[in-house]
Protein backbone atom coordinates (compact mmCIF):
# COMPACT_ATOMS: atom_id res chain seq x y z
CA UNK A 1 0.00 0.00 0.00
CA UNK A 2 2.84 2.42 0.84
CA UNK A 3 4.41 1.65 -2.54
CA UNK A 4 1.26 2.93 -4.29
CA UNK A 5 1.45 6.19 -2.31
CA UNK A 6 5.06 6.69 -3.40
CA UNK A 7 4.25 5.94 -7.02
CA UNK A 8 1.26 8.31 -6.93
CA UNK A 9 3.38 11.02 -5.24
CA UNK A 10 6.08 10.55 -7.88
CA UNK A 11 3.60 10.95 -10.74
CA UNK A 12 2.05 13.98 -9.04
CA UNK A 13 5.48 15.60 -8.60
CA UNK A 14 6.39 14.84 -12.23
CA UNK A 15 3.07 16.26 -13.45
CA UNK A 16 3.55 19.48 -11.46
CA UNK A 17 7.16 19.83 -12.63
CA UNK A 18 6.02 19.67 -16.25
CA UNK A 19 3.44 22.42 -15.91
CA UNK A 20 3.09 24.71 -18.87
CA UNK A 21 5.11 27.93 -18.59
CA UNK A 22 3.30 31.25 -18.41
CA UNK A 23 4.08 33.68 -21.24
CA UNK A 24 6.51 36.53 -20.68
CA UNK A 25 5.13 39.93 -19.70
CA UNK A 26 6.22 42.82 -21.91
CA UNK A 27 7.33 45.78 -19.77
CA UNK A 28 8.39 48.21 -22.49
CA UNK A 29 11.40 49.48 -24.36
CA UNK A 30 14.32 50.50 -22.17
CA UNK A 31 16.47 52.24 -24.73
CA UNK A 32 16.45 52.85 -28.44
CA UNK A 33 19.34 53.94 -30.63
CA UNK A 34 19.69 54.66 -34.33
CA UNK A 35 22.66 52.57 -35.48
CA UNK A 36 22.45 53.47 -39.17
CA UNK A 37 20.42 56.27 -40.71
CA UNK A 38 19.79 56.40 -44.46
CA UNK A 39 17.12 57.22 -47.01
CA UNK A 40 16.33 53.51 -47.38
CA UNK A 41 16.62 51.03 -44.56
CA UNK A 42 17.52 52.36 -41.15
CA UNK A 43 18.85 50.14 -38.40
CA UNK A 44 17.51 50.59 -34.89
CA UNK A 45 18.88 48.93 -31.79
CA UNK A 46 16.51 48.63 -28.86
CA UNK A 47 16.33 46.84 -25.54
CA UNK A 48 12.98 45.15 -24.91
CA UNK A 49 12.25 44.58 -21.23
CA UNK A 50 10.23 41.52 -20.23
CA UNK A 51 9.30 39.76 -17.02
CA UNK A 52 9.42 36.00 -16.50
CA UNK A 53 6.42 35.28 -14.21
CA UNK A 54 7.41 31.63 -13.81
CA UNK A 55 9.12 30.33 -10.69
CA UNK A 56 11.64 28.43 -12.79
CA UNK A 57 14.40 29.36 -15.24
CA UNK A 58 13.69 29.13 -18.96
CA UNK A 59 15.80 29.18 -22.11
CA UNK A 60 14.61 31.32 -25.01
CA UNK A 61 15.75 29.64 -28.22
CA UNK A 62 13.93 31.50 -30.95
CA UNK A 63 11.86 34.65 -31.30
CA UNK A 64 9.83 35.83 -34.30
CA UNK A 65 7.80 38.99 -33.73
CA UNK A 66 6.14 41.86 -35.52
CA UNK A 67 6.36 45.28 -33.88
CA UNK A 68 3.42 47.64 -34.44
CA UNK A 69 3.28 51.35 -33.64
CA UNK A 70 -0.19 52.86 -33.44
CA UNK A 71 -1.62 49.64 -34.93
CA UNK A 72 0.54 49.81 -38.07
CA UNK A 73 3.38 47.40 -38.83
CA UNK A 74 6.66 49.09 -37.93
CA UNK A 75 9.22 46.30 -38.28
CA UNK A 76 9.95 42.60 -37.82
CA UNK A 77 12.16 41.25 -35.08
CA UNK A 78 13.70 37.80 -35.29
CA UNK A 79 16.29 36.24 -33.04
CA UNK A 80 17.77 32.77 -32.89
CA UNK A 81 20.26 33.62 -30.16
CA UNK A 82 19.88 31.48 -27.03
CA UNK A 83 19.09 33.48 -23.87
CA UNK A 84 18.91 32.11 -20.33
CA UNK A 85 15.91 33.67 -18.58
CA UNK A 86 16.01 33.82 -14.75
CA UNK A 87 12.96 32.82 -12.70
CA UNK A 88 10.61 35.55 -11.40
CA UNK A 89 12.75 38.35 -12.77
CA UNK A 90 12.88 41.09 -15.37
CA UNK A 91 15.23 40.54 -18.28
CA UNK A 92 16.34 42.51 -21.33
CA UNK A 93 16.41 41.23 -24.89
CA UNK A 94 18.48 43.30 -27.30
CA UNK A 95 16.91 43.81 -30.71
CA UNK A 96 18.38 44.97 -33.99
CA UNK A 97 15.67 45.94 -36.46
CA UNK A 98 15.50 47.37 -39.97
CA UNK A 99 12.99 50.16 -40.49
CA UNK A 100 12.09 51.88 -43.74
CA UNK A 101 12.47 55.67 -43.77
CA UNK A 102 8.82 56.05 -44.76
CA UNK A 103 7.67 54.32 -41.58
CA UNK A 104 9.84 56.62 -39.47
CA UNK A 105 8.52 59.70 -41.28
CA UNK A 106 4.92 58.53 -40.86
CA UNK A 107 5.30 58.72 -37.08
CA UNK A 108 7.89 61.52 -37.03
CA UNK A 109 5.66 64.19 -35.46
CA UNK A 110 4.73 61.92 -32.54
CA UNK A 111 8.35 60.77 -32.17
CA UNK A 112 9.90 64.26 -32.32
CA UNK A 113 7.45 65.71 -29.79
CA UNK A 114 7.93 62.63 -27.59
CA UNK A 115 4.20 61.80 -27.58
CA UNK A 116 3.08 58.47 -26.10
CA UNK A 117 2.58 55.86 -28.80
CA UNK A 118 0.80 52.53 -28.74
CA UNK A 119 3.40 49.76 -29.14
CA UNK A 120 2.33 46.20 -29.83
CA UNK A 121 4.51 43.12 -30.15
CA UNK A 122 2.96 39.97 -31.66
CA UNK A 123 4.56 36.71 -32.65
CA UNK A 124 5.91 33.38 -31.38
CA UNK A 125 8.71 32.35 -29.04
CA UNK A 126 10.35 28.95 -28.64
CA UNK A 127 11.24 28.32 -25.01
CA UNK A 128 12.56 25.30 -23.19
CA UNK A 129 12.71 24.04 -19.64
CA UNK A 130 15.10 21.15 -19.38
CA UNK A 131 14.40 18.78 -22.25
CA UNK A 132 10.88 20.10 -22.86
CA UNK A 133 10.49 22.66 -25.65
CA UNK A 134 7.33 24.65 -26.32
CA UNK A 135 6.25 27.38 -28.72
CA UNK A 136 4.29 30.09 -26.95
CA UNK A 137 2.39 33.00 -28.50
CA UNK A 138 3.51 36.54 -27.81
CA UNK A 139 0.97 39.33 -27.70
CA UNK A 140 1.82 42.49 -25.76
CA UNK A 141 0.59 46.02 -25.91
CA UNK A 142 1.72 49.14 -24.09
CA UNK A 143 1.76 52.90 -24.48
CA UNK A 144 5.20 54.44 -24.34
CA UNK A 145 7.22 57.39 -25.57
CA UNK A 146 9.92 56.66 -28.15
CA UNK A 147 12.58 59.30 -27.93
CA UNK A 148 14.29 58.83 -31.30
CA UNK A 149 15.45 62.45 -31.22
CA UNK A 150 17.72 61.50 -28.32
CA UNK A 151 18.69 58.26 -30.08
CA UNK A 152 19.87 60.21 -33.14
CA UNK A 153 22.09 62.46 -31.01
CA UNK A 154 24.06 59.57 -29.47
C-alpha atoms as a PDB file:
ATOM      1  CA  UNK A   1       0.000   0.000   0.000  1.00  0.00           C
ATOM      2  CA  UNK A   2       2.838   2.415   0.838  1.00  0.00           C
ATOM      3  CA  UNK A   3       4.407   1.648  -2.543  1.00  0.00           C
ATOM      4  CA  UNK A   4       1.255   2.932  -4.290  1.00  0.00           C
ATOM      5  CA  UNK A   5       1.454   6.188  -2.311  1.00  0.00           C
ATOM      6  CA  UNK A   6       5.064   6.687  -3.398  1.00  0.00           C
ATOM      7  CA  UNK A   7       4.255   5.942  -7.020  1.00  0.00           C
ATOM      8  CA  UNK A   8       1.257   8.306  -6.930  1.00  0.00           C
ATOM      9  CA  UNK A   9       3.377  11.019  -5.241  1.00  0.00           C
ATOM     10  CA  UNK A  10       6.078  10.546  -7.879  1.00  0.00           C
ATOM     11  CA  UNK A  11       3.602  10.954 -10.741  1.00  0.00           C
ATOM     12  CA  UNK A  12       2.050  13.981  -9.042  1.00  0.00           C
ATOM     13  CA  UNK A  13       5.477  15.598  -8.597  1.00  0.00           C
ATOM     14  CA  UNK A  14       6.390  14.843 -12.229  1.00  0.00           C
ATOM     15  CA  UNK A  15       3.069  16.264 -13.452  1.00  0.00           C
ATOM     16  CA  UNK A  16       3.546  19.484 -11.458  1.00  0.00           C
ATOM     17  CA  UNK A  17       7.165  19.831 -12.626  1.00  0.00           C
ATOM     18  CA  UNK A  18       6.019  19.671 -16.249  1.00  0.00           C
ATOM     19  CA  UNK A  19       3.443  22.424 -15.909  1.00  0.00           C
ATOM     20  CA  UNK A  20       3.087  24.708 -18.869  1.00  0.00           C
ATOM     21  CA  UNK A  21       5.109  27.931 -18.585  1.00  0.00           C
ATOM     22  CA  UNK A  22       3.300  31.248 -18.410  1.00  0.00           C
ATOM     23  CA  UNK A  23       4.077  33.679 -21.237  1.00  0.00           C
ATOM     24  CA  UNK A  24       6.513  36.530 -20.675  1.00  0.00           C
ATOM     25  CA  UNK A  25       5.129  39.929 -19.696  1.00  0.00           C
ATOM     26  CA  UNK A  26       6.220  42.824 -21.909  1.00  0.00           C
ATOM     27  CA  UNK A  27       7.331  45.782 -19.767  1.00  0.00           C
ATOM     28  CA  UNK A  28       8.387  48.211 -22.493  1.00  0.00           C
ATOM     29  CA  UNK A  29      11.399  49.480 -24.363  1.00  0.00           C
ATOM     30  CA  UNK A  30      14.316  50.502 -22.170  1.00  0.00           C
ATOM     31  CA  UNK A  31      16.470  52.236 -24.733  1.00  0.00           C
ATOM     32  CA  UNK A  32      16.450  52.852 -28.438  1.00  0.00           C
ATOM     33  CA  UNK A  33      19.341  53.944 -30.628  1.00  0.00           C
ATOM     34  CA  UNK A  34      19.693  54.655 -34.334  1.00  0.00           C
ATOM     35  CA  UNK A  35      22.656  52.570 -35.480  1.00  0.00           C
ATOM     36  CA  UNK A  36      22.446  53.469 -39.169  1.00  0.00           C
ATOM     37  CA  UNK A  37      20.422  56.271 -40.711  1.00  0.00           C
ATOM     38  CA  UNK A  38      19.789  56.399 -44.455  1.00  0.00           C
ATOM     39  CA  UNK A  39      17.117  57.219 -47.012  1.00  0.00           C
ATOM     40  CA  UNK A  40      16.334  53.506 -47.380  1.00  0.00           C
ATOM     41  CA  UNK A  41      16.622  51.029 -44.561  1.00  0.00           C
ATOM     42  CA  UNK A  42      17.521  52.361 -41.150  1.00  0.00           C
ATOM     43  CA  UNK A  43      18.850  50.135 -38.405  1.00  0.00           C
ATOM     44  CA  UNK A  44      17.509  50.591 -34.890  1.00  0.00           C
ATOM     45  CA  UNK A  45      18.877  48.933 -31.787  1.00  0.00           C
ATOM     46  CA  UNK A  46      16.510  48.627 -28.861  1.00  0.00           C
ATOM     47  CA  UNK A  47      16.332  46.839 -25.542  1.00  0.00           C
ATOM     48  CA  UNK A  48      12.984  45.154 -24.914  1.00  0.00           C
ATOM     49  CA  UNK A  49      12.251  44.584 -21.233  1.00  0.00           C
ATOM     50  CA  UNK A  50      10.228  41.518 -20.229  1.00  0.00           C
ATOM     51  CA  UNK A  51       9.304  39.757 -17.018  1.00  0.00           C
ATOM     52  CA  UNK A  52       9.417  35.996 -16.504  1.00  0.00           C
ATOM     53  CA  UNK A  53       6.420  35.283 -14.211  1.00  0.00           C
ATOM     54  CA  UNK A  54       7.408  31.626 -13.812  1.00  0.00           C
ATOM     55  CA  UNK A  55       9.117  30.330 -10.685  1.00  0.00           C
ATOM     56  CA  UNK A  56      11.643  28.425 -12.795  1.00  0.00           C
ATOM     57  CA  UNK A  57      14.398  29.360 -15.242  1.00  0.00           C
ATOM     58  CA  UNK A  58      13.694  29.134 -18.960  1.00  0.00           C
ATOM     59  CA  UNK A  59      15.798  29.178 -22.105  1.00  0.00           C
ATOM     60  CA  UNK A  60      14.612  31.323 -25.007  1.00  0.00           C
ATOM     61  CA  UNK A  61      15.748  29.644 -28.215  1.00  0.00           C
ATOM     62  CA  UNK A  62      13.930  31.505 -30.951  1.00  0.00           C
ATOM     63  CA  UNK A  63      11.857  34.650 -31.299  1.00  0.00           C
ATOM     64  CA  UNK A  64       9.834  35.830 -34.298  1.00  0.00           C
ATOM     65  CA  UNK A  65       7.795  38.991 -33.731  1.00  0.00           C
ATOM     66  CA  UNK A  66       6.138  41.855 -35.517  1.00  0.00           C
ATOM     67  CA  UNK A  67       6.355  45.282 -33.885  1.00  0.00           C
ATOM     68  CA  UNK A  68       3.424  47.641 -34.439  1.00  0.00           C
ATOM     69  CA  UNK A  69       3.276  51.351 -33.641  1.00  0.00           C
ATOM     70  CA  UNK A  70      -0.193  52.863 -33.438  1.00  0.00           C
ATOM     71  CA  UNK A  71      -1.617  49.639 -34.926  1.00  0.00           C
ATOM     72  CA  UNK A  72       0.540  49.808 -38.068  1.00  0.00           C
ATOM     73  CA  UNK A  73       3.383  47.396 -38.826  1.00  0.00           C
ATOM     74  CA  UNK A  74       6.658  49.087 -37.934  1.00  0.00           C
ATOM     75  CA  UNK A  75       9.215  46.298 -38.279  1.00  0.00           C
ATOM     76  CA  UNK A  76       9.946  42.599 -37.823  1.00  0.00           C
ATOM     77  CA  UNK A  77      12.156  41.245 -35.079  1.00  0.00           C
ATOM     78  CA  UNK A  78      13.703  37.801 -35.293  1.00  0.00           C
ATOM     79  CA  UNK A  79      16.295  36.243 -33.037  1.00  0.00           C
ATOM     80  CA  UNK A  80      17.771  32.771 -32.889  1.00  0.00           C
ATOM     81  CA  UNK A  81      20.262  33.617 -30.161  1.00  0.00           C
ATOM     82  CA  UNK A  82      19.878  31.484 -27.033  1.00  0.00           C
ATOM     83  CA  UNK A  83      19.091  33.481 -23.870  1.00  0.00           C
ATOM     84  CA  UNK A  84      18.908  32.112 -20.330  1.00  0.00           C
ATOM     85  CA  UNK A  85      15.913  33.667 -18.578  1.00  0.00           C
ATOM     86  CA  UNK A  86      16.005  33.823 -14.751  1.00  0.00           C
ATOM     87  CA  UNK A  87      12.964  32.819 -12.698  1.00  0.00           C
ATOM     88  CA  UNK A  88      10.607  35.548 -11.404  1.00  0.00           C
ATOM     89  CA  UNK A  89      12.745  38.348 -12.775  1.00  0.00           C
ATOM     90  CA  UNK A  90      12.880  41.095 -15.366  1.00  0.00           C
ATOM     91  CA  UNK A  91      15.228  40.540 -18.279  1.00  0.00           C
ATOM     92  CA  UNK A  92      16.340  42.508 -21.325  1.00  0.00           C
ATOM     93  CA  UNK A  93      16.407  41.229 -24.888  1.00  0.00           C
ATOM     94  CA  UNK A  94      18.480  43.302 -27.297  1.00  0.00           C
ATOM     95  CA  UNK A  95      16.907  43.813 -30.712  1.00  0.00           C
ATOM     96  CA  UNK A  96      18.383  44.971 -33.991  1.00  0.00           C
ATOM     97  CA  UNK A  97      15.668  45.943 -36.464  1.00  0.00           C
ATOM     98  CA  UNK A  98      15.500  47.372 -39.973  1.00  0.00           C
ATOM     99  CA  UNK A  99      12.990  50.155 -40.488  1.00  0.00           C
ATOM    100  CA  UNK A 100      12.087  51.876 -43.742  1.00  0.00           C
ATOM    101  CA  UNK A 101      12.466  55.667 -43.768  1.00  0.00           C
ATOM    102  CA  UNK A 102       8.817  56.053 -44.765  1.00  0.00           C
ATOM    103  CA  UNK A 103       7.669  54.321 -41.575  1.00  0.00           C
ATOM    104  CA  UNK A 104       9.837  56.623 -39.470  1.00  0.00           C
ATOM    105  CA  UNK A 105       8.517  59.703 -41.284  1.00  0.00           C
ATOM    106  CA  UNK A 106       4.923  58.533 -40.861  1.00  0.00           C
ATOM    107  CA  UNK A 107       5.296  58.720 -37.078  1.00  0.00           C
ATOM    108  CA  UNK A 108       7.891  61.516 -37.027  1.00  0.00           C
ATOM    109  CA  UNK A 109       5.664  64.189 -35.461  1.00  0.00           C
ATOM    110  CA  UNK A 110       4.733  61.920 -32.544  1.00  0.00           C
ATOM    111  CA  UNK A 111       8.346  60.773 -32.174  1.00  0.00           C
ATOM    112  CA  UNK A 112       9.899  64.263 -32.316  1.00  0.00           C
ATOM    113  CA  UNK A 113       7.451  65.706 -29.793  1.00  0.00           C
ATOM    114  CA  UNK A 114       7.929  62.634 -27.594  1.00  0.00           C
ATOM    115  CA  UNK A 115       4.203  61.799 -27.580  1.00  0.00           C
ATOM    116  CA  UNK A 116       3.079  58.468 -26.097  1.00  0.00           C
ATOM    117  CA  UNK A 117       2.576  55.863 -28.804  1.00  0.00           C
ATOM    118  CA  UNK A 118       0.803  52.531 -28.741  1.00  0.00           C
ATOM    119  CA  UNK A 119       3.405  49.764 -29.145  1.00  0.00           C
ATOM    120  CA  UNK A 120       2.328  46.195 -29.827  1.00  0.00           C
ATOM    121  CA  UNK A 121       4.515  43.120 -30.148  1.00  0.00           C
ATOM    122  CA  UNK A 122       2.963  39.975 -31.657  1.00  0.00           C
ATOM    123  CA  UNK A 123       4.564  36.706 -32.651  1.00  0.00           C
ATOM    124  CA  UNK A 124       5.909  33.384 -31.382  1.00  0.00           C
ATOM    125  CA  UNK A 125       8.709  32.349 -29.036  1.00  0.00           C
ATOM    126  CA  UNK A 126      10.346  28.952 -28.639  1.00  0.00           C
ATOM    127  CA  UNK A 127      11.237  28.318 -25.013  1.00  0.00           C
ATOM    128  CA  UNK A 128      12.562  25.304 -23.186  1.00  0.00           C
ATOM    129  CA  UNK A 129      12.706  24.039 -19.643  1.00  0.00           C
ATOM    130  CA  UNK A 130      15.105  21.153 -19.378  1.00  0.00           C
ATOM    131  CA  UNK A 131      14.400  18.783 -22.251  1.00  0.00           C
ATOM    132  CA  UNK A 132      10.882  20.103 -22.855  1.00  0.00           C
ATOM    133  CA  UNK A 133      10.488  22.665 -25.651  1.00  0.00           C
ATOM    134  CA  UNK A 134       7.332  24.652 -26.320  1.00  0.00           C
ATOM    135  CA  UNK A 135       6.255  27.375 -28.718  1.00  0.00           C
ATOM    136  CA  UNK A 136       4.286  30.087 -26.949  1.00  0.00           C
ATOM    137  CA  UNK A 137       2.395  33.003 -28.499  1.00  0.00           C
ATOM    138  CA  UNK A 138       3.509  36.541 -27.808  1.00  0.00           C
ATOM    139  CA  UNK A 139       0.968  39.331 -27.698  1.00  0.00           C
ATOM    140  CA  UNK A 140       1.821  42.487 -25.760  1.00  0.00           C
ATOM    141  CA  UNK A 141       0.591  46.022 -25.908  1.00  0.00           C
ATOM    142  CA  UNK A 142       1.723  49.136 -24.089  1.00  0.00           C
ATOM    143  CA  UNK A 143       1.764  52.896 -24.477  1.00  0.00           C
ATOM    144  CA  UNK A 144       5.202  54.444 -24.337  1.00  0.00           C
ATOM    145  CA  UNK A 145       7.221  57.389 -25.568  1.00  0.00           C
ATOM    146  CA  UNK A 146       9.920  56.659 -28.152  1.00  0.00           C
ATOM    147  CA  UNK A 147      12.582  59.301 -27.931  1.00  0.00           C
ATOM    148  CA  UNK A 148      14.288  58.831 -31.301  1.00  0.00           C
ATOM    149  CA  UNK A 149      15.447  62.450 -31.222  1.00  0.00           C
ATOM    150  CA  UNK A 150      17.717  61.502 -28.316  1.00  0.00           C
ATOM    151  CA  UNK A 151      18.692  58.258 -30.076  1.00  0.00           C
ATOM    152  CA  UNK A 152      19.870  60.206 -33.136  1.00  0.00           C
ATOM    153  CA  UNK A 153      22.090  62.462 -31.005  1.00  0.00           C
ATOM    154  CA  UNK A 154      24.062  59.568 -29.472  1.00  0.00           C
END
